């Protein structure tokens, strides 16, 4: 007697499982703005970090104004992961903040769905390189002001004007230490990226009557 064909689906539906999907999101911004903290707060795995101690030799290069208590720096990337459901995961890549490590950014940006740019109102000018990087490459991004303890709060529209951002770019306030804030940021970015890519997709020409 002939045997029945094997079922490619473990659930017996007769339909093969869809291939796993991973969304790649970058967390960018200036030196000491909270990128490592944000990735660590939202990741469901122990985040991979490439931090090294700041040294005296680096003091002439690294501007510690506003973050004088910082003792470490990311030299390659931070990596975290969130599992949304079976077969769908979000990979988070935190970029290094110092100028001398920006050569890593091009590699990290390949295949990225979008980016979260963290901002510190004490050093808002540090955001400009990140904004310029993603605008030039057409990668959707949101700007999140990390509300450090003791820093003055500014309305998001003032931040938008200071960074010369268009009305379509989401700007929000957050605490990078709070997991819920990080999750809301990622949802905002994914929705913004979806709308941006949909608007950029060519529409079919209307059929002639």
N, C-alpha and C. Protein backbone atom coordinates (compact mmCIF):
# COMPACT_ATOMS: atom_id res chain seq x y z
N UNK A 1 0.86 -1.20 0.00
CA UNK A 1 0.00 0.00 0.00
C UNK A 1 0.88 1.24 0.00
N UNK A 2 0.53 2.19 -0.84
CA UNK A 2 1.34 3.41 -0.94
C UNK A 2 1.16 4.26 0.30
N UNK A 3 2.24 4.86 0.75
CA UNK A 3 2.17 5.73 1.93
C UNK A 3 1.71 7.12 1.51
N UNK A 4 1.07 7.81 2.47
CA UNK A 4 0.60 9.17 2.20
C UNK A 4 1.78 10.11 2.12
N UNK A 5 1.69 11.15 1.27
CA UNK A 5 2.81 12.12 1.16
C UNK A 5 2.99 12.86 2.48
N UNK A 6 4.24 13.17 2.78
CA UNK A 6 4.52 13.89 4.02
C UNK A 6 3.97 15.29 3.95
N UNK A 7 3.54 15.81 5.09
CA UNK A 7 2.97 17.16 5.17
C UNK A 7 4.08 18.15 5.46
N UNK A 8 4.32 19.13 4.60
CA UNK A 8 5.40 20.09 4.84
C UNK A 8 5.13 21.02 5.99
N UNK A 9 3.89 21.10 6.45
CA UNK A 9 3.55 22.00 7.55
C UNK A 9 3.44 21.21 8.84
N UNK A 10 4.13 21.65 9.92
CA UNK A 10 4.06 20.92 11.19
C UNK A 10 2.68 20.93 11.79
N UNK A 11 1.85 21.84 11.37
CA UNK A 11 0.50 21.92 11.92
C UNK A 11 -0.50 21.12 11.12
N UNK A 12 -0.03 20.45 10.07
CA UNK A 12 -0.93 19.61 9.30
C UNK A 12 -1.87 20.37 8.40
N UNK A 13 -1.54 21.61 8.09
CA UNK A 13 -2.44 22.39 7.24
C UNK A 13 -2.20 22.14 5.77
N UNK A 14 -1.07 21.50 5.46
CA UNK A 14 -0.73 21.29 4.05
C UNK A 14 -0.10 22.49 3.39
N UNK A 15 0.07 23.60 4.14
CA UNK A 15 0.68 24.82 3.61
C UNK A 15 2.04 25.00 4.26
N UNK A 16 3.11 25.13 3.47
CA UNK A 16 4.44 25.31 4.06
C UNK A 16 4.50 26.55 4.93
N UNK A 17 5.30 26.48 5.98
CA UNK A 17 5.49 27.64 6.85
C UNK A 17 6.12 28.79 6.07
N UNK A 18 5.69 30.02 6.37
CA UNK A 18 6.30 31.20 5.75
C UNK A 18 7.72 31.35 6.27
N UNK A 19 8.64 31.84 5.45
CA UNK A 19 10.02 32.04 5.91
C UNK A 19 10.05 33.09 7.01
N UNK A 20 10.97 32.97 7.96
CA UNK A 20 11.06 33.96 9.03
C UNK A 20 11.41 35.34 8.49
N UNK A 21 10.90 36.37 9.15
CA UNK A 21 11.12 37.75 8.73
C UNK A 21 11.78 38.50 9.88
N UNK A 22 12.80 39.28 9.58
CA UNK A 22 13.47 40.10 10.58
C UNK A 22 13.46 41.55 10.12
N UNK A 23 13.02 42.45 10.99
CA UNK A 23 13.03 43.88 10.72
C UNK A 23 14.28 44.47 11.36
N UNK A 24 15.04 45.21 10.60
CA UNK A 24 16.29 45.81 11.09
C UNK A 24 16.06 47.29 11.36
N UNK A 25 16.30 47.68 12.60
CA UNK A 25 16.10 49.07 13.02
C UNK A 25 17.39 49.58 13.66
N UNK A 26 17.78 50.80 13.28
CA UNK A 26 18.97 51.41 13.86
C UNK A 26 18.57 52.40 14.96
N UNK A 27 19.42 52.49 15.97
CA UNK A 27 19.27 53.50 17.03
C UNK A 27 20.51 54.38 16.94
N UNK A 28 20.31 55.63 16.54
CA UNK A 28 21.44 56.52 16.25
C UNK A 28 21.36 57.77 17.11
N UNK A 29 22.36 58.63 16.93
CA UNK A 29 22.41 59.87 17.69
C UNK A 29 23.83 60.18 18.10
N UNK A 30 23.99 61.28 18.80
CA UNK A 30 25.31 61.73 19.20
C UNK A 30 25.90 60.92 20.34
N UNK A 31 27.11 61.29 20.70
CA UNK A 31 27.85 60.64 21.77
C UNK A 31 27.15 60.85 23.12
N UNK A 32 26.92 59.75 23.85
CA UNK A 32 26.36 59.85 25.20
C UNK A 32 24.89 60.19 25.27
N UNK A 33 24.14 59.96 24.17
CA UNK A 33 22.74 60.37 24.14
C UNK A 33 21.79 59.31 24.69
N UNK A 34 22.28 58.07 24.88
CA UNK A 34 21.42 57.03 25.47
C UNK A 34 21.10 55.87 24.55
N UNK A 35 21.86 55.69 23.48
CA UNK A 35 21.57 54.62 22.52
C UNK A 35 21.72 53.23 23.15
N UNK A 36 22.83 53.03 23.87
CA UNK A 36 23.05 51.74 24.52
C UNK A 36 21.96 51.47 25.55
N UNK A 37 21.56 52.50 26.28
CA UNK A 37 20.50 52.36 27.29
C UNK A 37 19.19 51.95 26.66
N UNK A 38 18.82 52.57 25.53
CA UNK A 38 17.55 52.26 24.87
C UNK A 38 17.54 50.82 24.35
N UNK A 39 18.62 50.41 23.68
CA UNK A 39 18.67 49.03 23.17
C UNK A 39 18.55 48.03 24.32
N UNK A 40 19.25 48.28 25.40
CA UNK A 40 19.19 47.39 26.56
C UNK A 40 17.83 47.35 27.21
N UNK A 41 17.11 48.48 27.18
CA UNK A 41 15.81 48.55 27.84
C UNK A 41 14.74 47.74 27.11
N UNK A 42 14.80 47.68 25.79
CA UNK A 42 13.73 47.03 25.02
C UNK A 42 14.09 45.62 24.56
N UNK A 43 15.36 45.27 24.54
CA UNK A 43 15.77 43.96 24.03
C UNK A 43 15.27 42.84 24.94
N UNK A 44 14.82 41.74 24.32
CA UNK A 44 14.37 40.58 25.07
C UNK A 44 15.50 39.58 25.32
N UNK A 45 16.65 39.84 24.74
CA UNK A 45 17.83 39.04 25.02
C UNK A 45 18.86 39.94 25.69
N UNK A 46 19.85 39.33 26.29
CA UNK A 46 20.93 40.16 26.83
C UNK A 46 21.62 40.86 25.67
N UNK A 47 21.62 42.19 25.65
CA UNK A 47 22.17 42.89 24.48
C UNK A 47 23.66 42.67 24.32
N UNK A 48 24.08 42.58 23.07
CA UNK A 48 25.50 42.55 22.75
C UNK A 48 26.01 43.98 22.74
N UNK A 49 27.07 44.23 23.47
CA UNK A 49 27.62 45.58 23.55
C UNK A 49 29.10 45.56 23.23
N UNK A 50 29.56 46.62 22.60
CA UNK A 50 30.99 46.75 22.28
C UNK A 50 31.50 48.03 22.92
N UNK A 51 31.38 48.10 24.23
CA UNK A 51 31.79 49.30 24.95
C UNK A 51 33.23 49.17 25.44
N UNK A 52 33.92 50.28 25.40
CA UNK A 52 35.29 50.35 25.91
C UNK A 52 35.39 51.56 26.83
N UNK A 53 36.34 51.50 27.76
CA UNK A 53 36.54 52.61 28.68
C UNK A 53 37.11 53.82 27.95
N UNK A 54 36.62 54.99 28.29
CA UNK A 54 37.22 56.21 27.79
C UNK A 54 38.59 56.39 28.40
N UNK A 55 39.53 56.89 27.62
CA UNK A 55 40.90 57.06 28.10
C UNK A 55 41.31 58.52 28.03
N UNK A 56 42.41 58.82 28.67
CA UNK A 56 42.94 60.18 28.62
C UNK A 56 43.32 60.56 27.21
N UNK A 57 43.80 59.57 26.43
CA UNK A 57 44.20 59.86 25.05
C UNK A 57 43.02 60.32 24.20
N UNK A 58 41.82 59.88 24.56
CA UNK A 58 40.64 60.24 23.77
C UNK A 58 39.99 61.54 24.20
N UNK A 59 40.42 62.12 25.30
CA UNK A 59 39.76 63.34 25.78
C UNK A 59 39.83 64.50 24.79
N UNK A 60 40.93 64.70 24.08
CA UNK A 60 40.94 65.80 23.10
C UNK A 60 39.98 65.56 21.93
N UNK A 61 39.55 64.29 21.72
CA UNK A 61 38.70 63.94 20.59
C UNK A 61 37.24 63.88 20.99
N UNK A 62 36.96 63.28 22.15
CA UNK A 62 35.58 63.08 22.61
C UNK A 62 35.12 64.27 23.44
N UNK A 63 34.08 64.93 22.98
CA UNK A 63 33.52 66.08 23.68
C UNK A 63 32.58 65.57 24.77
N UNK A 64 32.95 65.75 26.04
CA UNK A 64 32.14 65.25 27.15
C UNK A 64 31.26 66.34 27.75
N UNK A 65 31.12 67.46 27.07
CA UNK A 65 30.27 68.53 27.58
C UNK A 65 28.84 68.03 27.76
N UNK A 66 28.34 68.15 28.98
CA UNK A 66 26.98 67.69 29.28
C UNK A 66 26.90 66.25 29.71
N UNK A 67 27.94 65.46 29.46
CA UNK A 67 27.97 64.04 29.88
C UNK A 67 29.30 63.75 30.55
N UNK A 68 29.70 64.65 31.46
CA UNK A 68 31.01 64.53 32.09
C UNK A 68 31.16 63.24 32.88
N UNK A 69 30.06 62.64 33.32
CA UNK A 69 30.14 61.42 34.11
C UNK A 69 30.27 60.15 33.28
N UNK A 70 30.23 60.26 31.96
CA UNK A 70 30.30 59.08 31.11
C UNK A 70 31.71 58.51 31.11
N UNK A 71 31.82 57.18 31.31
CA UNK A 71 33.14 56.54 31.40
C UNK A 71 33.39 55.51 30.32
N UNK A 72 32.35 55.14 29.53
CA UNK A 72 32.52 54.15 28.47
C UNK A 72 31.94 54.68 27.18
N UNK A 73 32.29 54.03 26.07
CA UNK A 73 31.78 54.43 24.77
C UNK A 73 31.62 53.21 23.87
N UNK A 74 30.62 53.23 22.99
CA UNK A 74 30.42 52.16 22.02
C UNK A 74 31.37 52.36 20.85
N UNK A 75 32.14 51.31 20.52
CA UNK A 75 33.14 51.43 19.46
C UNK A 75 32.72 50.72 18.18
N UNK A 76 31.70 49.88 18.21
CA UNK A 76 31.24 49.21 16.99
C UNK A 76 29.72 49.29 16.89
N UNK A 77 29.01 48.62 17.80
CA UNK A 77 27.56 48.65 17.77
C UNK A 77 27.02 48.02 19.04
N UNK A 78 25.75 48.29 19.32
CA UNK A 78 24.97 47.53 20.29
C UNK A 78 23.98 46.69 19.50
N UNK A 79 23.63 45.52 20.01
CA UNK A 79 22.68 44.66 19.31
C UNK A 79 21.67 44.09 20.29
N UNK A 80 20.38 44.19 19.93
CA UNK A 80 19.32 43.61 20.72
C UNK A 80 18.27 42.98 19.81
N UNK A 81 17.38 42.21 20.40
CA UNK A 81 16.36 41.51 19.61
C UNK A 81 15.04 41.49 20.36
N UNK A 82 13.96 41.65 19.59
CA UNK A 82 12.60 41.53 20.13
C UNK A 82 11.85 40.55 19.25
N UNK A 83 11.24 39.54 19.83
CA UNK A 83 10.41 38.59 19.08
C UNK A 83 8.96 39.06 19.13
N UNK A 84 8.42 39.46 17.99
CA UNK A 84 7.05 39.94 17.92
C UNK A 84 6.08 38.76 17.97
N UNK A 85 6.34 37.77 17.17
CA UNK A 85 5.57 36.52 17.14
C UNK A 85 6.45 35.49 16.44
N UNK A 86 5.95 34.27 16.33
CA UNK A 86 6.73 33.23 15.67
C UNK A 86 7.04 33.65 14.23
N UNK A 87 8.32 33.65 13.89
CA UNK A 87 8.73 33.99 12.54
C UNK A 87 8.88 35.47 12.26
N UNK A 88 8.67 36.33 13.26
CA UNK A 88 8.82 37.78 13.07
C UNK A 88 9.59 38.36 14.24
N UNK A 89 10.76 38.92 13.94
CA UNK A 89 11.61 39.50 14.98
C UNK A 89 12.09 40.87 14.56
N UNK A 90 12.42 41.69 15.55
CA UNK A 90 13.02 43.00 15.32
C UNK A 90 14.45 42.95 15.83
N UNK A 91 15.40 43.30 14.96
CA UNK A 91 16.80 43.39 15.33
C UNK A 91 17.15 44.86 15.51
N UNK A 92 17.72 45.20 16.65
CA UNK A 92 18.08 46.58 16.97
C UNK A 92 19.60 46.72 16.92
N UNK A 93 20.06 47.72 16.19
CA UNK A 93 21.49 48.00 16.09
C UNK A 93 21.74 49.43 16.56
N UNK A 94 22.45 49.57 17.66
CA UNK A 94 22.83 50.89 18.14
C UNK A 94 24.15 51.31 17.51
N UNK A 95 24.17 52.49 16.91
CA UNK A 95 25.37 52.96 16.21
C UNK A 95 26.32 53.65 17.18
N UNK A 96 27.63 53.64 16.89
CA UNK A 96 28.57 54.43 17.69
C UNK A 96 28.34 55.92 17.45
N UNK A 97 28.62 56.73 18.46
CA UNK A 97 28.31 58.15 18.36
C UNK A 97 29.45 59.04 17.92
N UNK A 98 30.70 58.64 18.18
CA UNK A 98 31.81 59.52 17.86
C UNK A 98 32.11 59.54 16.37
N UNK A 99 32.63 60.68 15.92
CA UNK A 99 32.93 60.87 14.49
C UNK A 99 33.86 59.79 13.95
N UNK A 100 34.84 59.38 14.73
CA UNK A 100 35.86 58.47 14.20
C UNK A 100 35.33 57.05 13.97
N UNK A 101 34.10 56.76 14.44
CA UNK A 101 33.53 55.44 14.23
C UNK A 101 32.38 55.46 13.22
N UNK A 102 32.20 56.59 12.52
CA UNK A 102 31.07 56.69 11.60
C UNK A 102 31.21 55.80 10.38
N UNK A 103 32.41 55.29 10.11
CA UNK A 103 32.56 54.39 8.96
C UNK A 103 31.73 53.12 9.15
N UNK A 104 31.35 52.81 10.40
CA UNK A 104 30.53 51.62 10.68
C UNK A 104 29.09 51.83 10.22
N UNK A 105 28.66 53.08 10.15
CA UNK A 105 27.25 53.37 9.88
C UNK A 105 26.78 52.82 8.54
N UNK A 106 27.60 52.96 7.51
CA UNK A 106 27.19 52.50 6.18
C UNK A 106 26.88 51.01 6.17
N UNK A 107 27.69 50.23 6.86
CA UNK A 107 27.44 48.79 6.93
C UNK A 107 26.18 48.49 7.72
N UNK A 108 25.99 49.17 8.83
CA UNK A 108 24.82 48.93 9.66
C UNK A 108 23.52 49.34 8.95
N UNK A 109 23.59 50.34 8.08
CA UNK A 109 22.38 50.87 7.45
C UNK A 109 21.84 49.98 6.34
N UNK A 110 22.65 49.04 5.86
CA UNK A 110 22.21 48.18 4.75
C UNK A 110 21.01 47.35 5.18
N UNK A 111 19.89 47.48 4.45
CA UNK A 111 18.70 46.70 4.74
C UNK A 111 17.86 47.20 5.90
N UNK A 112 18.17 48.39 6.42
CA UNK A 112 17.43 48.90 7.58
C UNK A 112 16.04 49.38 7.19
N UNK A 113 15.04 49.03 7.98
CA UNK A 113 13.69 49.53 7.78
C UNK A 113 13.60 51.01 8.11
N UNK A 114 14.31 51.43 9.15
CA UNK A 114 14.28 52.82 9.58
C UNK A 114 15.18 53.01 10.78
N UNK A 115 15.13 54.21 11.36
CA UNK A 115 16.03 54.54 12.47
C UNK A 115 15.33 55.41 13.50
N UNK A 116 15.74 55.21 14.75
CA UNK A 116 15.37 56.11 15.85
C UNK A 116 16.59 56.98 16.13
N UNK A 117 16.44 58.30 16.03
CA UNK A 117 17.52 59.22 16.36
C UNK A 117 17.24 59.79 17.74
N UNK A 118 18.10 59.47 18.70
CA UNK A 118 17.96 60.03 20.04
C UNK A 118 18.61 61.40 20.11
N UNK A 119 17.97 62.29 20.84
CA UNK A 119 18.46 63.66 20.95
C UNK A 119 18.57 64.05 22.42
N UNK A 120 19.56 64.88 22.71
CA UNK A 120 19.75 65.47 24.04
C UNK A 120 19.69 66.97 23.83
N UNK A 121 18.74 67.65 24.47
CA UNK A 121 18.56 69.08 24.23
C UNK A 121 19.76 69.90 24.70
N UNK A 122 20.61 69.32 25.54
CA UNK A 122 21.82 70.03 25.95
C UNK A 122 22.87 70.04 24.83
N UNK A 123 22.73 69.10 23.89
CA UNK A 123 23.70 68.96 22.79
C UNK A 123 22.93 68.67 21.51
N UNK A 124 21.92 69.47 21.22
CA UNK A 124 21.02 69.18 20.10
C UNK A 124 21.75 69.18 18.76
N UNK A 125 22.82 69.95 18.66
CA UNK A 125 23.56 70.00 17.40
C UNK A 125 24.18 68.65 17.04
N UNK A 126 24.33 67.76 18.02
CA UNK A 126 24.89 66.43 17.74
C UNK A 126 23.96 65.59 16.89
N UNK A 127 22.69 66.01 16.76
CA UNK A 127 21.72 65.26 15.94
C UNK A 127 21.90 65.48 14.45
N UNK A 128 22.47 66.61 14.08
CA UNK A 128 22.51 66.96 12.66
C UNK A 128 23.20 65.91 11.79
N UNK A 129 24.34 65.34 12.21
CA UNK A 129 24.95 64.32 11.35
C UNK A 129 24.03 63.10 11.14
N UNK A 130 23.29 62.69 12.18
CA UNK A 130 22.39 61.55 12.04
C UNK A 130 21.24 61.88 11.10
N UNK A 131 20.64 63.05 11.28
CA UNK A 131 19.54 63.47 10.41
C UNK A 131 20.01 63.52 8.96
N UNK A 132 21.17 64.11 8.75
CA UNK A 132 21.70 64.23 7.38
C UNK A 132 21.99 62.84 6.79
N UNK A 133 22.53 61.94 7.59
CA UNK A 133 22.87 60.59 7.11
C UNK A 133 21.63 59.87 6.58
N UNK A 134 20.56 59.87 7.35
CA UNK A 134 19.38 59.12 6.95
C UNK A 134 18.57 59.84 5.87
N UNK A 135 18.57 61.16 5.89
CA UNK A 135 17.89 61.89 4.82
C UNK A 135 18.55 61.61 3.48
N UNK A 136 19.88 61.63 3.44
CA UNK A 136 20.60 61.42 2.18
C UNK A 136 20.36 60.02 1.62
N UNK A 137 20.12 59.05 2.49
CA UNK A 137 19.93 57.67 2.04
C UNK A 137 18.47 57.29 1.90
N UNK A 138 17.57 58.22 2.18
CA UNK A 138 16.15 57.95 2.05
C UNK A 138 15.63 56.93 3.04
N UNK A 139 16.26 56.84 4.21
CA UNK A 139 15.84 55.90 5.25
C UNK A 139 14.92 56.62 6.22
N UNK A 140 13.68 56.14 6.43
CA UNK A 140 12.76 56.81 7.35
C UNK A 140 13.33 56.83 8.77
N UNK A 141 13.05 57.91 9.49
CA UNK A 141 13.52 58.02 10.87
C UNK A 141 12.55 58.83 11.71
N UNK A 142 12.63 58.61 13.02
CA UNK A 142 11.92 59.43 13.99
C UNK A 142 12.96 60.02 14.93
N UNK A 143 12.64 61.16 15.53
CA UNK A 143 13.52 61.80 16.49
C UNK A 143 12.88 61.71 17.87
N UNK A 144 13.63 61.20 18.84
CA UNK A 144 13.14 61.06 20.21
C UNK A 144 14.06 61.81 21.15
N UNK A 145 13.52 62.81 21.85
CA UNK A 145 14.30 63.57 22.82
C UNK A 145 14.37 62.77 24.11
N UNK A 146 15.57 62.37 24.49
CA UNK A 146 15.78 61.61 25.73
C UNK A 146 15.77 62.60 26.90
N UNK A 147 14.78 62.47 27.76
CA UNK A 147 14.58 63.43 28.85
C UNK A 147 15.45 63.05 30.05
N UNK A 148 16.69 63.50 30.03
CA UNK A 148 17.61 63.22 31.14
C UNK A 148 17.13 63.94 32.39
N UNK A 149 17.43 63.35 33.54
CA UNK A 149 17.07 63.98 34.82
C UNK A 149 17.73 65.34 34.94
N UNK A 150 16.92 66.33 35.32
CA UNK A 150 17.46 67.66 35.56
C UNK A 150 17.63 68.53 34.34
N UNK A 151 17.29 68.01 33.15
CA UNK A 151 17.42 68.83 31.94
C UNK A 151 16.11 69.53 31.65
N UNK A 152 16.16 70.74 31.08
CA UNK A 152 14.92 71.46 30.76
C UNK A 152 14.14 70.75 29.66
N UNK A 153 12.82 70.81 29.76
CA UNK A 153 11.95 70.22 28.75
C UNK A 153 11.58 71.27 27.72
N UNK A 154 11.57 70.87 26.46
CA UNK A 154 11.20 71.77 25.38
C UNK A 154 10.07 71.13 24.57
N UNK A 155 9.10 71.92 24.12
CA UNK A 155 8.03 71.36 23.27
C UNK A 155 8.63 70.72 22.02
N UNK A 156 7.99 69.64 21.56
CA UNK A 156 8.52 68.92 20.41
C UNK A 156 8.57 69.80 19.16
N UNK A 157 7.65 70.76 19.05
CA UNK A 157 7.68 71.63 17.86
C UNK A 157 8.90 72.54 17.87
N UNK A 158 9.38 72.91 19.07
CA UNK A 158 10.62 73.70 19.14
C UNK A 158 11.80 72.85 18.69
N UNK A 159 11.81 71.58 19.09
CA UNK A 159 12.87 70.67 18.67
C UNK A 159 12.81 70.48 17.15
N UNK A 160 11.61 70.29 16.61
CA UNK A 160 11.45 70.12 15.17
C UNK A 160 12.01 71.34 14.42
N UNK A 161 11.68 72.54 14.91
CA UNK A 161 12.16 73.75 14.24
C UNK A 161 13.67 73.88 14.35
N UNK A 162 14.23 73.54 15.52
CA UNK A 162 15.67 73.66 15.72
C UNK A 162 16.45 72.71 14.81
N UNK A 163 15.86 71.53 14.53
CA UNK A 163 16.52 70.54 13.67
C UNK A 163 16.10 70.68 12.21
N UNK A 164 15.20 71.64 11.92
CA UNK A 164 14.73 71.89 10.56
C UNK A 164 14.13 70.63 9.94
N UNK A 165 13.24 69.98 10.70
CA UNK A 165 12.60 68.75 10.24
C UNK A 165 11.26 69.06 9.59
N UNK A 166 10.92 68.30 8.59
CA UNK A 166 9.63 68.47 7.94
C UNK A 166 8.50 67.97 8.83
N UNK A 167 7.26 68.34 8.51
CA UNK A 167 6.11 67.98 9.35
C UNK A 167 5.83 66.49 9.38
N UNK A 168 6.34 65.73 8.40
CA UNK A 168 6.05 64.30 8.35
C UNK A 168 6.93 63.48 9.30
N UNK A 169 8.03 64.07 9.77
CA UNK A 169 8.95 63.32 10.64
C UNK A 169 8.42 63.35 12.08
N UNK A 170 8.12 62.19 12.66
CA UNK A 170 7.64 62.17 14.05
C UNK A 170 8.73 62.62 15.02
N UNK A 171 8.35 63.48 15.97
CA UNK A 171 9.25 63.93 17.04
C UNK A 171 8.53 63.69 18.36
N UNK A 172 9.21 63.06 19.29
CA UNK A 172 8.55 62.71 20.55
C UNK A 172 9.53 62.84 21.71
N UNK A 173 9.00 62.78 22.93
CA UNK A 173 9.81 62.77 24.14
C UNK A 173 9.85 61.36 24.69
N UNK A 174 10.95 60.99 25.34
CA UNK A 174 11.03 59.65 25.90
C UNK A 174 12.03 59.62 27.05
N UNK A 175 11.96 58.53 27.80
CA UNK A 175 12.98 58.19 28.79
C UNK A 175 13.59 56.88 28.31
N UNK A 176 14.83 56.92 27.82
CA UNK A 176 15.44 55.74 27.21
C UNK A 176 15.58 54.58 28.18
N UNK A 177 15.42 54.83 29.47
CA UNK A 177 15.54 53.75 30.46
C UNK A 177 14.25 52.94 30.58
N UNK A 178 13.14 53.49 30.09
CA UNK A 178 11.84 52.84 30.27
C UNK A 178 11.50 51.97 29.06
N UNK A 179 11.23 50.71 29.33
CA UNK A 179 10.90 49.76 28.26
C UNK A 179 9.66 50.20 27.49
N UNK A 180 8.64 50.69 28.20
CA UNK A 180 7.40 51.08 27.52
C UNK A 180 7.65 52.24 26.57
N UNK A 181 8.48 53.19 26.96
CA UNK A 181 8.81 54.31 26.07
C UNK A 181 9.50 53.80 24.82
N UNK A 182 10.43 52.84 25.01
CA UNK A 182 11.13 52.29 23.87
C UNK A 182 10.21 51.56 22.92
N UNK A 183 9.27 50.79 23.46
CA UNK A 183 8.33 50.05 22.61
C UNK A 183 7.45 51.01 21.82
N UNK A 184 7.00 52.09 22.46
CA UNK A 184 6.17 53.08 21.75
C UNK A 184 6.98 53.73 20.62
N UNK A 185 8.26 53.99 20.87
CA UNK A 185 9.12 54.57 19.84
C UNK A 185 9.21 53.66 18.62
N UNK A 186 9.40 52.36 18.87
CA UNK A 186 9.54 51.41 17.78
C UNK A 186 8.25 51.29 16.98
N UNK A 187 7.11 51.30 17.67
CA UNK A 187 5.83 51.26 16.98
C UNK A 187 5.66 52.49 16.09
N UNK A 188 6.01 53.67 16.65
CA UNK A 188 5.92 54.91 15.88
C UNK A 188 6.80 54.85 14.64
N UNK A 189 8.01 54.32 14.80
CA UNK A 189 8.93 54.22 13.66
C UNK A 189 8.40 53.27 12.59
N UNK A 190 7.92 52.09 13.01
CA UNK A 190 7.43 51.11 12.03
C UNK A 190 6.25 51.68 11.25
N UNK A 191 5.33 52.37 11.93
CA UNK A 191 4.19 52.96 11.23
C UNK A 191 4.65 54.06 10.27
N UNK A 192 5.62 54.87 10.71
CA UNK A 192 6.14 55.94 9.85
C UNK A 192 6.84 55.35 8.64
N UNK A 193 7.64 54.31 8.86
CA UNK A 193 8.35 53.67 7.75
C UNK A 193 7.36 53.05 6.77
N UNK A 194 6.33 52.41 7.29
CA UNK A 194 5.30 51.82 6.42
C UNK A 194 4.68 52.88 5.53
N UNK A 195 4.31 54.01 6.11
CA UNK A 195 3.67 55.07 5.32
C UNK A 195 4.66 55.68 4.32
N UNK A 196 5.93 55.81 4.75
CA UNK A 196 6.94 56.40 3.86
C UNK A 196 7.21 55.51 2.66
N UNK A 197 7.39 54.22 2.89
CA UNK A 197 7.67 53.30 1.79
C UNK A 197 6.45 53.16 0.88
N UNK A 198 5.25 53.19 1.47
CA UNK A 198 4.03 53.09 0.65
C UNK A 198 3.90 54.31 -0.26
N UNK A 199 4.22 55.50 0.27
CA UNK A 199 4.12 56.71 -0.54
C UNK A 199 5.15 56.73 -1.66
N UNK A 200 6.31 56.08 -1.41
CA UNK A 200 7.37 56.08 -2.41
C UNK A 200 7.16 55.03 -3.49
N UNK A 201 6.26 54.08 -3.24
CA UNK A 201 6.03 53.01 -4.21
C UNK A 201 5.30 53.57 -5.44
N UNK A 202 5.77 53.28 -6.64
CA UNK A 202 5.11 53.82 -7.84
C UNK A 202 3.70 53.26 -7.99
N UNK A 203 2.77 54.13 -8.32
CA UNK A 203 1.38 53.71 -8.49
C UNK A 203 1.14 53.35 -9.97
N UNK A 204 0.36 52.33 -10.21
CA UNK A 204 0.09 51.96 -11.61
C UNK A 204 -0.68 53.06 -12.32
N UNK A 205 -0.38 53.22 -13.59
CA UNK A 205 -1.08 54.24 -14.39
C UNK A 205 -2.54 53.83 -14.57
N UNK A 206 -3.44 54.79 -14.57
CA UNK A 206 -4.86 54.48 -14.76
C UNK A 206 -5.11 53.86 -16.13
N UNK A 207 -6.00 52.90 -16.18
CA UNK A 207 -6.31 52.23 -17.44
C UNK A 207 -7.04 53.19 -18.38
N UNK A 208 -6.70 53.07 -19.64
CA UNK A 208 -7.37 53.94 -20.62
C UNK A 208 -8.81 53.44 -20.85
N UNK A 209 -9.69 54.38 -21.00
CA UNK A 209 -11.10 54.04 -21.25
C UNK A 209 -11.33 53.92 -22.75
